[in-house]
């Protein structure tokens, strides 16, 4: 089973890549996946949804959509790594989800959110609703890392043992096929 770890923020000062790299290492160490790939939405430069046809049609006119569709279609499971911005998840992540439909159907999804005191719980809760609506199988509960800037060392390692255990447990709940 191939797992994609998707970085949900494109903000220049984001911490998502650091969090996602750690998540990808834990996923690889779990031994459950044939491949773990880190996906950065910055690399796909998706404009706000510009396809004429509905995503459920699978008819894509633009090369950026075809590229995104092909990449997402490669995996059977996803971990969405998302910050919380004003009690929600970032618009680029919503946009990336909305571009496609069939590619997400019946696939596994886990959520790692991070933020201040709440650990991104609001963003994760909003994301769960959307992932369920597009037909994904969301693994509960999600992992919410509060005060994340205090919990990662200079090498990008999660130092909080409770959060690290929750993350490891998330991969334990995800089926391997």
C-alpha atoms as a PDB file:
ATOM      1  CA  UNK A   1       0.000   0.000   0.000  1.00  0.00           C
ATOM      2  CA  UNK A   2       1.357   3.408  -0.961  1.00  0.00           C
ATOM      3  CA  UNK A   3       0.904   6.277   1.510  1.00  0.00           C
ATOM      4  CA  UNK A   4       1.124   9.937   0.607  1.00  0.00           C
ATOM      5  CA  UNK A   5       1.790  12.490   3.341  1.00  0.00           C
ATOM      6  CA  UNK A   6       0.271  15.745   2.080  1.00  0.00           C
ATOM      7  CA  UNK A   7       1.470  19.096   3.433  1.00  0.00           C
ATOM      8  CA  UNK A   8      -1.708  21.182   3.731  1.00  0.00           C
ATOM      9  CA  UNK A   9      -0.200  24.672   3.897  1.00  0.00           C
ATOM     10  CA  UNK A  10       1.563  26.719   1.248  1.00  0.00           C
ATOM     11  CA  UNK A  11       2.334  29.739   3.463  1.00  0.00           C
ATOM     12  CA  UNK A  12       5.986  30.810   3.087  1.00  0.00           C
ATOM     13  CA  UNK A  13       6.596  30.720   6.866  1.00  0.00           C
ATOM     14  CA  UNK A  14       4.816  27.391   7.369  1.00  0.00           C
ATOM     15  CA  UNK A  15       6.020  24.616   9.639  1.00  0.00           C
ATOM     16  CA  UNK A  16       4.182  21.905   7.720  1.00  0.00           C
ATOM     17  CA  UNK A  17       7.244  20.486   5.952  1.00  0.00           C
ATOM     18  CA  UNK A  18       8.989  19.891   9.287  1.00  0.00           C
ATOM     19  CA  UNK A  19       5.942  18.179  10.782  1.00  0.00           C
ATOM     20  CA  UNK A  20       5.271  16.188   7.596  1.00  0.00           C
ATOM     21  CA  UNK A  21       8.873  14.939   7.332  1.00  0.00           C
ATOM     22  CA  UNK A  22       8.624  13.604  10.857  1.00  0.00           C
ATOM     23  CA  UNK A  23       5.252  11.984  10.090  1.00  0.00           C
ATOM     24  CA  UNK A  24       6.703  10.370   6.951  1.00  0.00           C
ATOM     25  CA  UNK A  25       9.603   8.922   8.978  1.00  0.00           C
ATOM     26  CA  UNK A  26       7.176   7.419  11.497  1.00  0.00           C
ATOM     27  CA  UNK A  27       5.086   5.998   8.647  1.00  0.00           C
ATOM     28  CA  UNK A  28       8.159   4.405   7.053  1.00  0.00           C
ATOM     29  CA  UNK A  29       9.252   3.001  10.405  1.00  0.00           C
ATOM     30  CA  UNK A  30       5.818   1.397  10.875  1.00  0.00           C
ATOM     31  CA  UNK A  31       6.650  -1.019   8.045  1.00  0.00           C
ATOM     32  CA  UNK A  32       3.018  -0.985   6.842  1.00  0.00           C
ATOM     33  CA  UNK A  33       3.556   0.707   3.489  1.00  0.00           C
ATOM     34  CA  UNK A  34       5.320  -0.301   0.307  1.00  0.00           C
ATOM     35  CA  UNK A  35       6.119   3.369  -0.258  1.00  0.00           C
ATOM     36  CA  UNK A  36       5.741   6.619   1.684  1.00  0.00           C
ATOM     37  CA  UNK A  37       5.813   9.789  -0.392  1.00  0.00           C
ATOM     38  CA  UNK A  38       5.855  13.358   0.842  1.00  0.00           C
ATOM     39  CA  UNK A  39       3.576  15.618  -1.227  1.00  0.00           C
ATOM     40  CA  UNK A  40       3.921  19.399  -0.999  1.00  0.00           C
ATOM     41  CA  UNK A  41       1.012  21.392  -2.435  1.00  0.00           C
ATOM     42  CA  UNK A  42       3.487  24.151  -3.311  1.00  0.00           C
ATOM     43  CA  UNK A  43       4.849  21.855  -6.030  1.00  0.00           C
ATOM     44  CA  UNK A  44       1.449  21.644  -7.751  1.00  0.00           C
ATOM     45  CA  UNK A  45       0.642  25.363  -7.914  1.00  0.00           C
ATOM     46  CA  UNK A  46      -3.094  24.756  -8.282  1.00  0.00           C
ATOM     47  CA  UNK A  47      -5.021  27.950  -9.031  1.00  0.00           C
ATOM     48  CA  UNK A  48      -8.383  28.227  -7.344  1.00  0.00           C
ATOM     49  CA  UNK A  49     -10.583  25.594  -8.924  1.00  0.00           C
ATOM     50  CA  UNK A  50     -10.690  26.451 -12.622  1.00  0.00           C
ATOM     51  CA  UNK A  51     -12.065  23.312 -14.260  1.00  0.00           C
ATOM     52  CA  UNK A  52     -15.306  23.747 -16.201  1.00  0.00           C
ATOM     53  CA  UNK A  53     -16.554  20.215 -15.556  1.00  0.00           C
ATOM     54  CA  UNK A  54     -17.512  18.978 -12.121  1.00  0.00           C
ATOM     55  CA  UNK A  55     -14.680  17.014 -10.452  1.00  0.00           C
ATOM     56  CA  UNK A  56     -16.946  13.957 -10.190  1.00  0.00           C
ATOM     57  CA  UNK A  57     -16.951  13.735 -14.000  1.00  0.00           C
ATOM     58  CA  UNK A  58     -13.214  13.039 -14.084  1.00  0.00           C
ATOM     59  CA  UNK A  59     -12.950  15.237 -17.178  1.00  0.00           C
ATOM     60  CA  UNK A  60     -10.001  17.568 -16.736  1.00  0.00           C
ATOM     61  CA  UNK A  61      -9.037  20.268 -19.235  1.00  0.00           C
ATOM     62  CA  UNK A  62      -5.961  21.690 -17.520  1.00  0.00           C
ATOM     63  CA  UNK A  63      -2.519  20.122 -17.246  1.00  0.00           C
ATOM     64  CA  UNK A  64      -2.197  21.114 -13.579  1.00  0.00           C
ATOM     65  CA  UNK A  65      -5.360  19.135 -12.790  1.00  0.00           C
ATOM     66  CA  UNK A  66      -4.203  16.124 -14.791  1.00  0.00           C
ATOM     67  CA  UNK A  67      -0.848  16.191 -12.979  1.00  0.00           C
ATOM     68  CA  UNK A  68      -2.571  16.430  -9.571  1.00  0.00           C
ATOM     69  CA  UNK A  69      -5.045  13.678 -10.485  1.00  0.00           C
ATOM     70  CA  UNK A  70      -2.274  11.315 -11.602  1.00  0.00           C
ATOM     71  CA  UNK A  71      -0.279  11.906  -8.408  1.00  0.00           C
ATOM     72  CA  UNK A  72      -3.226  11.375  -6.050  1.00  0.00           C
ATOM     73  CA  UNK A  73      -4.350   8.274  -7.963  1.00  0.00           C
ATOM     74  CA  UNK A  74      -0.999   6.580  -7.180  1.00  0.00           C
ATOM     75  CA  UNK A  75      -1.782   6.099  -3.481  1.00  0.00           C
ATOM     76  CA  UNK A  76      -4.242   4.060  -1.455  1.00  0.00           C
ATOM     77  CA  UNK A  77      -3.857   6.023   1.786  1.00  0.00           C
ATOM     78  CA  UNK A  78      -3.115   9.595   2.807  1.00  0.00           C
ATOM     79  CA  UNK A  79      -2.071  11.540   5.850  1.00  0.00           C
ATOM     80  CA  UNK A  80      -3.079  15.181   5.721  1.00  0.00           C
ATOM     81  CA  UNK A  81      -0.735  17.381   7.771  1.00  0.00           C
ATOM     82  CA  UNK A  82      -2.507  20.649   8.437  1.00  0.00           C
ATOM     83  CA  UNK A  83      -2.124  23.715  10.593  1.00  0.00           C
ATOM     84  CA  UNK A  84      -5.043  25.621  12.024  1.00  0.00           C
ATOM     85  CA  UNK A  85      -5.582  29.079  10.576  1.00  0.00           C
ATOM     86  CA  UNK A  86      -8.403  31.037  12.227  1.00  0.00           C
ATOM     87  CA  UNK A  87     -10.233  27.885  13.387  1.00  0.00           C
ATOM     88  CA  UNK A  88     -10.014  26.208   9.981  1.00  0.00           C
ATOM     89  CA  UNK A  89      -7.631  24.430   7.663  1.00  0.00           C
ATOM     90  CA  UNK A  90      -5.836  26.302   4.844  1.00  0.00           C
ATOM     91  CA  UNK A  91      -7.640  27.251   1.648  1.00  0.00           C
ATOM     92  CA  UNK A  92      -4.998  25.607  -0.590  1.00  0.00           C
ATOM     93  CA  UNK A  93      -5.768  22.238   1.025  1.00  0.00           C
ATOM     94  CA  UNK A  94      -9.512  22.672   0.481  1.00  0.00           C
ATOM     95  CA  UNK A  95      -8.813  23.695  -3.097  1.00  0.00           C
ATOM     96  CA  UNK A  96      -6.585  20.646  -3.702  1.00  0.00           C
ATOM     97  CA  UNK A  97      -9.302  18.358  -2.326  1.00  0.00           C
ATOM     98  CA  UNK A  98     -12.027  20.005  -4.404  1.00  0.00           C
ATOM     99  CA  UNK A  99     -10.117  19.588  -7.685  1.00  0.00           C
ATOM    100  CA  UNK A 100     -10.702  15.825  -7.600  1.00  0.00           C
ATOM    101  CA  UNK A 101     -13.410  13.408  -6.584  1.00  0.00           C
ATOM    102  CA  UNK A 102     -13.054   9.864  -7.885  1.00  0.00           C
ATOM    103  CA  UNK A 103      -9.377   9.798  -6.975  1.00  0.00           C
ATOM    104  CA  UNK A 104     -10.260  10.115  -3.263  1.00  0.00           C
ATOM    105  CA  UNK A 105     -13.090   7.546  -3.214  1.00  0.00           C
ATOM    106  CA  UNK A 106     -12.860   4.691  -0.694  1.00  0.00           C
ATOM    107  CA  UNK A 107      -9.273   5.525   0.253  1.00  0.00           C
ATOM    108  CA  UNK A 108      -7.901   5.803   3.781  1.00  0.00           C
ATOM    109  CA  UNK A 109      -7.221   9.180   5.361  1.00  0.00           C
ATOM    110  CA  UNK A 110      -5.511  10.173   8.570  1.00  0.00           C
ATOM    111  CA  UNK A 111      -5.151  13.701   9.901  1.00  0.00           C
ATOM    112  CA  UNK A 112      -2.268  15.253  11.801  1.00  0.00           C
ATOM    113  CA  UNK A 113      -3.094  18.808  12.840  1.00  0.00           C
ATOM    114  CA  UNK A 114      -0.895  21.253  14.659  1.00  0.00           C
ATOM    115  CA  UNK A 115      -1.368  24.638  16.222  1.00  0.00           C
ATOM    116  CA  UNK A 116      -1.353  26.610  19.439  1.00  0.00           C
ATOM    117  CA  UNK A 117      -3.344  25.556  22.473  1.00  0.00           C
ATOM    118  CA  UNK A 118      -5.940  23.544  20.554  1.00  0.00           C
ATOM    119  CA  UNK A 119      -3.438  21.611  18.473  1.00  0.00           C
ATOM    120  CA  UNK A 120      -5.457  22.336  15.373  1.00  0.00           C
ATOM    121  CA  UNK A 121      -8.575  20.479  16.530  1.00  0.00           C
ATOM    122  CA  UNK A 122     -10.874  22.912  14.730  1.00  0.00           C
ATOM    123  CA  UNK A 123      -9.052  22.479  11.437  1.00  0.00           C
ATOM    124  CA  UNK A 124      -9.030  18.701  11.831  1.00  0.00           C
ATOM    125  CA  UNK A 125     -12.754  18.598  12.631  1.00  0.00           C
ATOM    126  CA  UNK A 126     -13.560  20.649   9.537  1.00  0.00           C
ATOM    127  CA  UNK A 127     -11.317  18.476   7.410  1.00  0.00           C
ATOM    128  CA  UNK A 128     -13.002  15.284   8.650  1.00  0.00           C
ATOM    129  CA  UNK A 129     -16.357  16.528   7.325  1.00  0.00           C
ATOM    130  CA  UNK A 130     -14.942  17.223   3.877  1.00  0.00           C
ATOM    131  CA  UNK A 131     -12.999  13.954   3.667  1.00  0.00           C
ATOM    132  CA  UNK A 132     -16.111  11.997   4.632  1.00  0.00           C
ATOM    133  CA  UNK A 133     -18.153  13.891   2.026  1.00  0.00           C
ATOM    134  CA  UNK A 134     -15.737  13.026  -0.776  1.00  0.00           C
ATOM    135  CA  UNK A 135     -15.911   9.351   0.159  1.00  0.00           C
ATOM    136  CA  UNK A 136     -12.728   8.811   2.102  1.00  0.00           C
ATOM    137  CA  UNK A 137     -12.436   6.419   5.043  1.00  0.00           C
ATOM    138  CA  UNK A 138     -11.200   8.660   7.840  1.00  0.00           C
ATOM    139  CA  UNK A 139      -9.226   6.973  10.602  1.00  0.00           C
ATOM    140  CA  UNK A 140     -10.246   8.333  14.000  1.00  0.00           C
ATOM    141  CA  UNK A 141      -9.182   9.882  16.202  1.00  0.00           C
ATOM    142  CA  UNK A 142      -6.862  12.301  14.492  1.00  0.00           C
ATOM    143  CA  UNK A 143      -3.636  13.503  16.083  1.00  0.00           C
ATOM    144  CA  UNK A 144      -3.662  17.121  17.294  1.00  0.00           C
ATOM    145  CA  UNK A 145      -0.275  18.532  18.292  1.00  0.00           C
ATOM    146  CA  UNK A 146      -0.735  21.559  20.536  1.00  0.00           C
ATOM    147  CA  UNK A 147       2.031  24.097  21.058  1.00  0.00           C
ATOM    148  CA  UNK A 148       3.917  22.276  18.324  1.00  0.00           C
ATOM    149  CA  UNK A 149       6.712  24.851  18.142  1.00  0.00           C
ATOM    150  CA  UNK A 150       7.741  23.797  21.656  1.00  0.00           C
ATOM    151  CA  UNK A 151       7.553  20.072  20.876  1.00  0.00           C
ATOM    152  CA  UNK A 152       9.944  19.700  17.959  1.00  0.00           C
ATOM    153  CA  UNK A 153      13.693  19.897  18.418  1.00  0.00           C
ATOM    154  CA  UNK A 154      16.125  21.611  16.046  1.00  0.00           C
ATOM    155  CA  UNK A 155      16.450  18.353  14.050  1.00  0.00           C
ATOM    156  CA  UNK A 156      12.711  18.126  13.409  1.00  0.00           C
ATOM    157  CA  UNK A 157      12.042  15.363  15.933  1.00  0.00           C
ATOM    158  CA  UNK A 158       8.906  15.320  18.043  1.00  0.00           C
ATOM    159  CA  UNK A 159      10.042  15.428  21.660  1.00  0.00           C
ATOM    160  CA  UNK A 160       6.655  15.067  23.373  1.00  0.00           C
ATOM    161  CA  UNK A 161       6.258  11.350  24.121  1.00  0.00           C
ATOM    162  CA  UNK A 162       2.445  11.492  24.396  1.00  0.00           C
ATOM    163  CA  UNK A 163       2.091  13.063  20.946  1.00  0.00           C
ATOM    164  CA  UNK A 164       4.661  10.646  19.502  1.00  0.00           C
ATOM    165  CA  UNK A 165       2.678   7.714  20.911  1.00  0.00           C
ATOM    166  CA  UNK A 166      -0.578   9.071  19.452  1.00  0.00           C
ATOM    167  CA  UNK A 167       1.080   9.361  16.056  1.00  0.00           C
ATOM    168  CA  UNK A 168       2.410   5.809  16.220  1.00  0.00           C
ATOM    169  CA  UNK A 169      -1.034   4.601  17.306  1.00  0.00           C
ATOM    170  CA  UNK A 170      -2.623   6.307  14.285  1.00  0.00           C
ATOM    171  CA  UNK A 171      -0.536   4.147  11.975  1.00  0.00           C
ATOM    172  CA  UNK A 172      -1.503   1.122  14.045  1.00  0.00           C
ATOM    173  CA  UNK A 173      -5.186   1.867  13.327  1.00  0.00           C
ATOM    174  CA  UNK A 174      -4.645   2.224   9.580  1.00  0.00           C
ATOM    175  CA  UNK A 175      -5.144  -1.052   7.711  1.00  0.00           C
ATOM    176  CA  UNK A 176      -2.166  -2.119   5.622  1.00  0.00           C
ATOM    177  CA  UNK A 177      -4.170  -3.208   2.606  1.00  0.00           C
END
